[in-house]
């Protein structure tokens, strides 16, 4: 049985999710973990590069992010679930912390501190949604 399921809802963000999945899969190397990508797009496919055997993609078009998360949770194999946005970058330190918190608080939900990396922060300034995130301080969850 897997010990960690990472659920990643996405919609029409091919370039961003590719980078996020690449970093996530590197951080999960050597662990018994799975990645469940739930694609909410009716028009755009999510292509997973070869070599990511622990990543599965499911379609859930037009249902919304909450439905995508619930869908992923419903098919997850592990008792520990981590819900990740498609623009989050995780490393081995973050994965270790997620697993540690899962052991310390097995029946609780926790939220990690995170901040957009400078590279992504610079990119989102050129989209209306990105400017919205910046304006309202949603580029960091530090201290929430």
C-alpha atoms as a PDB file:
ATOM      1  CA  UNK A   1       0.000   0.000   0.000  1.00  0.00           C
ATOM      2  CA  UNK A   2       1.207   3.503  -0.818  1.00  0.00           C
ATOM      3  CA  UNK A   3       1.997   5.716   2.154  1.00  0.00           C
ATOM      4  CA  UNK A   4       1.407   9.101   0.438  1.00  0.00           C
ATOM      5  CA  UNK A   5      -1.006  10.220  -2.272  1.00  0.00           C
ATOM      6  CA  UNK A   6      -0.447  13.651  -3.795  1.00  0.00           C
ATOM      7  CA  UNK A   7      -3.542  14.996  -5.540  1.00  0.00           C
ATOM      8  CA  UNK A   8      -3.049  17.724  -8.132  1.00  0.00           C
ATOM      9  CA  UNK A   9      -6.071  19.350  -9.788  1.00  0.00           C
ATOM     10  CA  UNK A  10      -5.281  21.229 -12.996  1.00  0.00           C
ATOM     11  CA  UNK A  11      -6.957  23.026 -15.863  1.00  0.00           C
ATOM     12  CA  UNK A  12      -5.301  24.391 -19.011  1.00  0.00           C
ATOM     13  CA  UNK A  13      -1.875  25.021 -17.436  1.00  0.00           C
ATOM     14  CA  UNK A  14       0.396  22.636 -19.321  1.00  0.00           C
ATOM     15  CA  UNK A  15       3.680  24.525 -18.901  1.00  0.00           C
ATOM     16  CA  UNK A  16       3.252  25.124 -15.199  1.00  0.00           C
ATOM     17  CA  UNK A  17       2.138  21.619 -14.267  1.00  0.00           C
ATOM     18  CA  UNK A  18       4.991  20.036 -16.212  1.00  0.00           C
ATOM     19  CA  UNK A  19       7.535  21.902 -14.080  1.00  0.00           C
ATOM     20  CA  UNK A  20       5.623  21.200 -10.868  1.00  0.00           C
ATOM     21  CA  UNK A  21       5.336  17.469 -11.641  1.00  0.00           C
ATOM     22  CA  UNK A  22       8.998  17.246 -12.560  1.00  0.00           C
ATOM     23  CA  UNK A  23      10.017  18.724  -9.209  1.00  0.00           C
ATOM     24  CA  UNK A  24       7.439  16.656  -7.320  1.00  0.00           C
ATOM     25  CA  UNK A  25       8.529  13.367  -8.878  1.00  0.00           C
ATOM     26  CA  UNK A  26      12.160  14.152  -8.072  1.00  0.00           C
ATOM     27  CA  UNK A  27      11.162  14.868  -4.446  1.00  0.00           C
ATOM     28  CA  UNK A  28       9.243  11.566  -4.258  1.00  0.00           C
ATOM     29  CA  UNK A  29      12.079   9.385  -5.598  1.00  0.00           C
ATOM     30  CA  UNK A  30      12.563   6.280  -3.487  1.00  0.00           C
ATOM     31  CA  UNK A  31       9.229   6.681  -1.648  1.00  0.00           C
ATOM     32  CA  UNK A  32       6.117   4.559  -1.952  1.00  0.00           C
ATOM     33  CA  UNK A  33       3.967   7.441  -3.137  1.00  0.00           C
ATOM     34  CA  UNK A  34       1.564   8.167  -5.951  1.00  0.00           C
ATOM     35  CA  UNK A  35       0.607  11.324  -7.803  1.00  0.00           C
ATOM     36  CA  UNK A  36      -2.971  11.728  -8.985  1.00  0.00           C
ATOM     37  CA  UNK A  37      -3.480  14.506 -11.519  1.00  0.00           C
ATOM     38  CA  UNK A  38      -7.133  15.418 -12.033  1.00  0.00           C
ATOM     39  CA  UNK A  39      -7.629  17.337 -15.275  1.00  0.00           C
ATOM     40  CA  UNK A  40     -10.637  19.672 -15.158  1.00  0.00           C
ATOM     41  CA  UNK A  41     -10.242  20.775 -18.790  1.00  0.00           C
ATOM     42  CA  UNK A  42     -12.605  19.625 -21.510  1.00  0.00           C
ATOM     43  CA  UNK A  43     -10.200  20.742 -24.250  1.00  0.00           C
ATOM     44  CA  UNK A  44      -6.593  20.338 -23.064  1.00  0.00           C
ATOM     45  CA  UNK A  45      -4.896  17.049 -22.231  1.00  0.00           C
ATOM     46  CA  UNK A  46      -2.205  16.668 -19.586  1.00  0.00           C
ATOM     47  CA  UNK A  47       0.860  14.921 -20.974  1.00  0.00           C
ATOM     48  CA  UNK A  48       3.038  13.109 -18.478  1.00  0.00           C
ATOM     49  CA  UNK A  49       6.638  12.607 -19.619  1.00  0.00           C
ATOM     50  CA  UNK A  50       7.859   9.026 -19.709  1.00  0.00           C
ATOM     51  CA  UNK A  51       9.570   7.796 -16.577  1.00  0.00           C
ATOM     52  CA  UNK A  52       6.895   9.039 -14.177  1.00  0.00           C
ATOM     53  CA  UNK A  53       5.399   5.653 -13.380  1.00  0.00           C
ATOM     54  CA  UNK A  54       3.871   6.884 -10.116  1.00  0.00           C
ATOM     55  CA  UNK A  55       1.752   9.564 -11.869  1.00  0.00           C
ATOM     56  CA  UNK A  56      -1.795   8.853 -13.044  1.00  0.00           C
ATOM     57  CA  UNK A  57      -4.001  11.325 -14.911  1.00  0.00           C
ATOM     58  CA  UNK A  58      -7.788  11.343 -14.735  1.00  0.00           C
ATOM     59  CA  UNK A  59     -10.296  13.554 -16.510  1.00  0.00           C
ATOM     60  CA  UNK A  60     -13.005  15.380 -14.573  1.00  0.00           C
ATOM     61  CA  UNK A  61     -13.886  18.109 -17.087  1.00  0.00           C
ATOM     62  CA  UNK A  62     -15.755  21.213 -16.013  1.00  0.00           C
ATOM     63  CA  UNK A  63     -16.387  20.040 -12.469  1.00  0.00           C
ATOM     64  CA  UNK A  64     -14.207  22.541 -10.607  1.00  0.00           C
ATOM     65  CA  UNK A  65     -11.246  22.337  -8.259  1.00  0.00           C
ATOM     66  CA  UNK A  66     -13.181  21.070  -5.212  1.00  0.00           C
ATOM     67  CA  UNK A  67     -14.680  18.245  -7.256  1.00  0.00           C
ATOM     68  CA  UNK A  68     -11.233  17.414  -8.657  1.00  0.00           C
ATOM     69  CA  UNK A  69      -9.790  17.171  -5.150  1.00  0.00           C
ATOM     70  CA  UNK A  70     -12.671  14.988  -3.970  1.00  0.00           C
ATOM     71  CA  UNK A  71     -12.326  12.793  -7.047  1.00  0.00           C
ATOM     72  CA  UNK A  72      -8.600  12.344  -6.370  1.00  0.00           C
ATOM     73  CA  UNK A  73      -9.201  11.581  -2.694  1.00  0.00           C
ATOM     74  CA  UNK A  74     -11.749   8.962  -3.682  1.00  0.00           C
ATOM     75  CA  UNK A  75      -9.264   6.981  -5.765  1.00  0.00           C
ATOM     76  CA  UNK A  76      -6.153   7.573  -3.649  1.00  0.00           C
ATOM     77  CA  UNK A  77      -4.433   4.442  -2.377  1.00  0.00           C
ATOM     78  CA  UNK A  78      -2.598   5.969   0.592  1.00  0.00           C
ATOM     79  CA  UNK A  79      -3.973   6.932   4.000  1.00  0.00           C
ATOM     80  CA  UNK A  80      -1.998  10.213   3.894  1.00  0.00           C
ATOM     81  CA  UNK A  81      -3.311  12.709   1.335  1.00  0.00           C
ATOM     82  CA  UNK A  82      -1.599  15.893   0.236  1.00  0.00           C
ATOM     83  CA  UNK A  83      -3.532  18.327  -1.946  1.00  0.00           C
ATOM     84  CA  UNK A  84      -1.212  20.323  -4.139  1.00  0.00           C
ATOM     85  CA  UNK A  85      -1.999  23.097  -6.617  1.00  0.00           C
ATOM     86  CA  UNK A  86      -0.609  22.681 -10.115  1.00  0.00           C
ATOM     87  CA  UNK A  87       1.739  25.633  -9.652  1.00  0.00           C
ATOM     88  CA  UNK A  88       3.373  24.461  -6.416  1.00  0.00           C
ATOM     89  CA  UNK A  89       6.978  23.332  -6.324  1.00  0.00           C
ATOM     90  CA  UNK A  90       7.903  20.779  -3.693  1.00  0.00           C
ATOM     91  CA  UNK A  91      11.292  19.436  -2.722  1.00  0.00           C
ATOM     92  CA  UNK A  92      12.460  16.586  -0.502  1.00  0.00           C
ATOM     93  CA  UNK A  93      12.328  18.811   2.593  1.00  0.00           C
ATOM     94  CA  UNK A  94       8.636  19.599   2.011  1.00  0.00           C
ATOM     95  CA  UNK A  95       7.802  15.935   1.377  1.00  0.00           C
ATOM     96  CA  UNK A  96       9.625  14.908   4.553  1.00  0.00           C
ATOM     97  CA  UNK A  97       7.649  17.520   6.517  1.00  0.00           C
ATOM     98  CA  UNK A  98       4.339  16.341   5.018  1.00  0.00           C
ATOM     99  CA  UNK A  99       5.118  12.751   6.025  1.00  0.00           C
ATOM    100  CA  UNK A 100       6.261  13.844   9.505  1.00  0.00           C
ATOM    101  CA  UNK A 101       3.072  15.852  10.095  1.00  0.00           C
ATOM    102  CA  UNK A 102       1.003  12.920   8.831  1.00  0.00           C
ATOM    103  CA  UNK A 103       2.526  10.730  11.528  1.00  0.00           C
ATOM    104  CA  UNK A 104       2.210  13.343  14.271  1.00  0.00           C
ATOM    105  CA  UNK A 105      -1.395  14.247  13.422  1.00  0.00           C
ATOM    106  CA  UNK A 106      -2.913  11.215  11.667  1.00  0.00           C
ATOM    107  CA  UNK A 107      -6.508  12.429  11.964  1.00  0.00           C
ATOM    108  CA  UNK A 108      -5.984  16.126  11.262  1.00  0.00           C
ATOM    109  CA  UNK A 109      -5.694  18.410   8.255  1.00  0.00           C
ATOM    110  CA  UNK A 110      -2.658  20.670   8.147  1.00  0.00           C
ATOM    111  CA  UNK A 111      -1.524  23.431   5.815  1.00  0.00           C
ATOM    112  CA  UNK A 112       2.131  24.014   5.009  1.00  0.00           C
ATOM    113  CA  UNK A 113       3.771  27.405   4.781  1.00  0.00           C
ATOM    114  CA  UNK A 114       4.588  28.094   1.134  1.00  0.00           C
ATOM    115  CA  UNK A 115       5.631  30.973  -1.088  1.00  0.00           C
ATOM    116  CA  UNK A 116       5.708  31.338  -4.860  1.00  0.00           C
ATOM    117  CA  UNK A 117       9.305  31.113  -6.077  1.00  0.00           C
ATOM    118  CA  UNK A 118      10.622  34.315  -7.669  1.00  0.00           C
ATOM    119  CA  UNK A 119      10.586  32.755 -11.155  1.00  0.00           C
ATOM    120  CA  UNK A 120       6.883  31.934 -10.938  1.00  0.00           C
ATOM    121  CA  UNK A 121       6.038  35.221  -9.227  1.00  0.00           C
ATOM    122  CA  UNK A 122       7.583  37.034 -12.204  1.00  0.00           C
ATOM    123  CA  UNK A 123       5.543  34.917 -14.644  1.00  0.00           C
ATOM    124  CA  UNK A 124       2.163  35.431 -13.020  1.00  0.00           C
ATOM    125  CA  UNK A 125       2.441  39.224 -13.196  1.00  0.00           C
ATOM    126  CA  UNK A 126       1.506  38.964 -16.871  1.00  0.00           C
ATOM    127  CA  UNK A 127      -1.869  37.284 -16.377  1.00  0.00           C
ATOM    128  CA  UNK A 128      -5.034  38.789 -14.935  1.00  0.00           C
ATOM    129  CA  UNK A 129      -5.391  35.907 -12.468  1.00  0.00           C
ATOM    130  CA  UNK A 130      -1.746  36.278 -11.457  1.00  0.00           C
ATOM    131  CA  UNK A 131      -2.217  39.973 -10.773  1.00  0.00           C
ATOM    132  CA  UNK A 132      -5.265  39.069  -8.671  1.00  0.00           C
ATOM    133  CA  UNK A 133      -3.142  36.633  -6.633  1.00  0.00           C
ATOM    134  CA  UNK A 134      -0.459  39.257  -6.108  1.00  0.00           C
ATOM    135  CA  UNK A 135      -2.912  42.022  -5.201  1.00  0.00           C
ATOM    136  CA  UNK A 136      -4.621  39.981  -2.494  1.00  0.00           C
ATOM    137  CA  UNK A 137      -1.478  38.325  -1.128  1.00  0.00           C
ATOM    138  CA  UNK A 138      -2.245  34.815  -2.372  1.00  0.00           C
ATOM    139  CA  UNK A 139       1.327  34.172  -3.488  1.00  0.00           C
ATOM    140  CA  UNK A 140       2.239  32.987  -0.021  1.00  0.00           C
ATOM    141  CA  UNK A 141       0.578  31.018   2.742  1.00  0.00           C
ATOM    142  CA  UNK A 142       3.355  31.769   5.211  1.00  0.00           C
ATOM    143  CA  UNK A 143       1.929  31.918   8.703  1.00  0.00           C
ATOM    144  CA  UNK A 144      -1.669  31.105   7.762  1.00  0.00           C
END
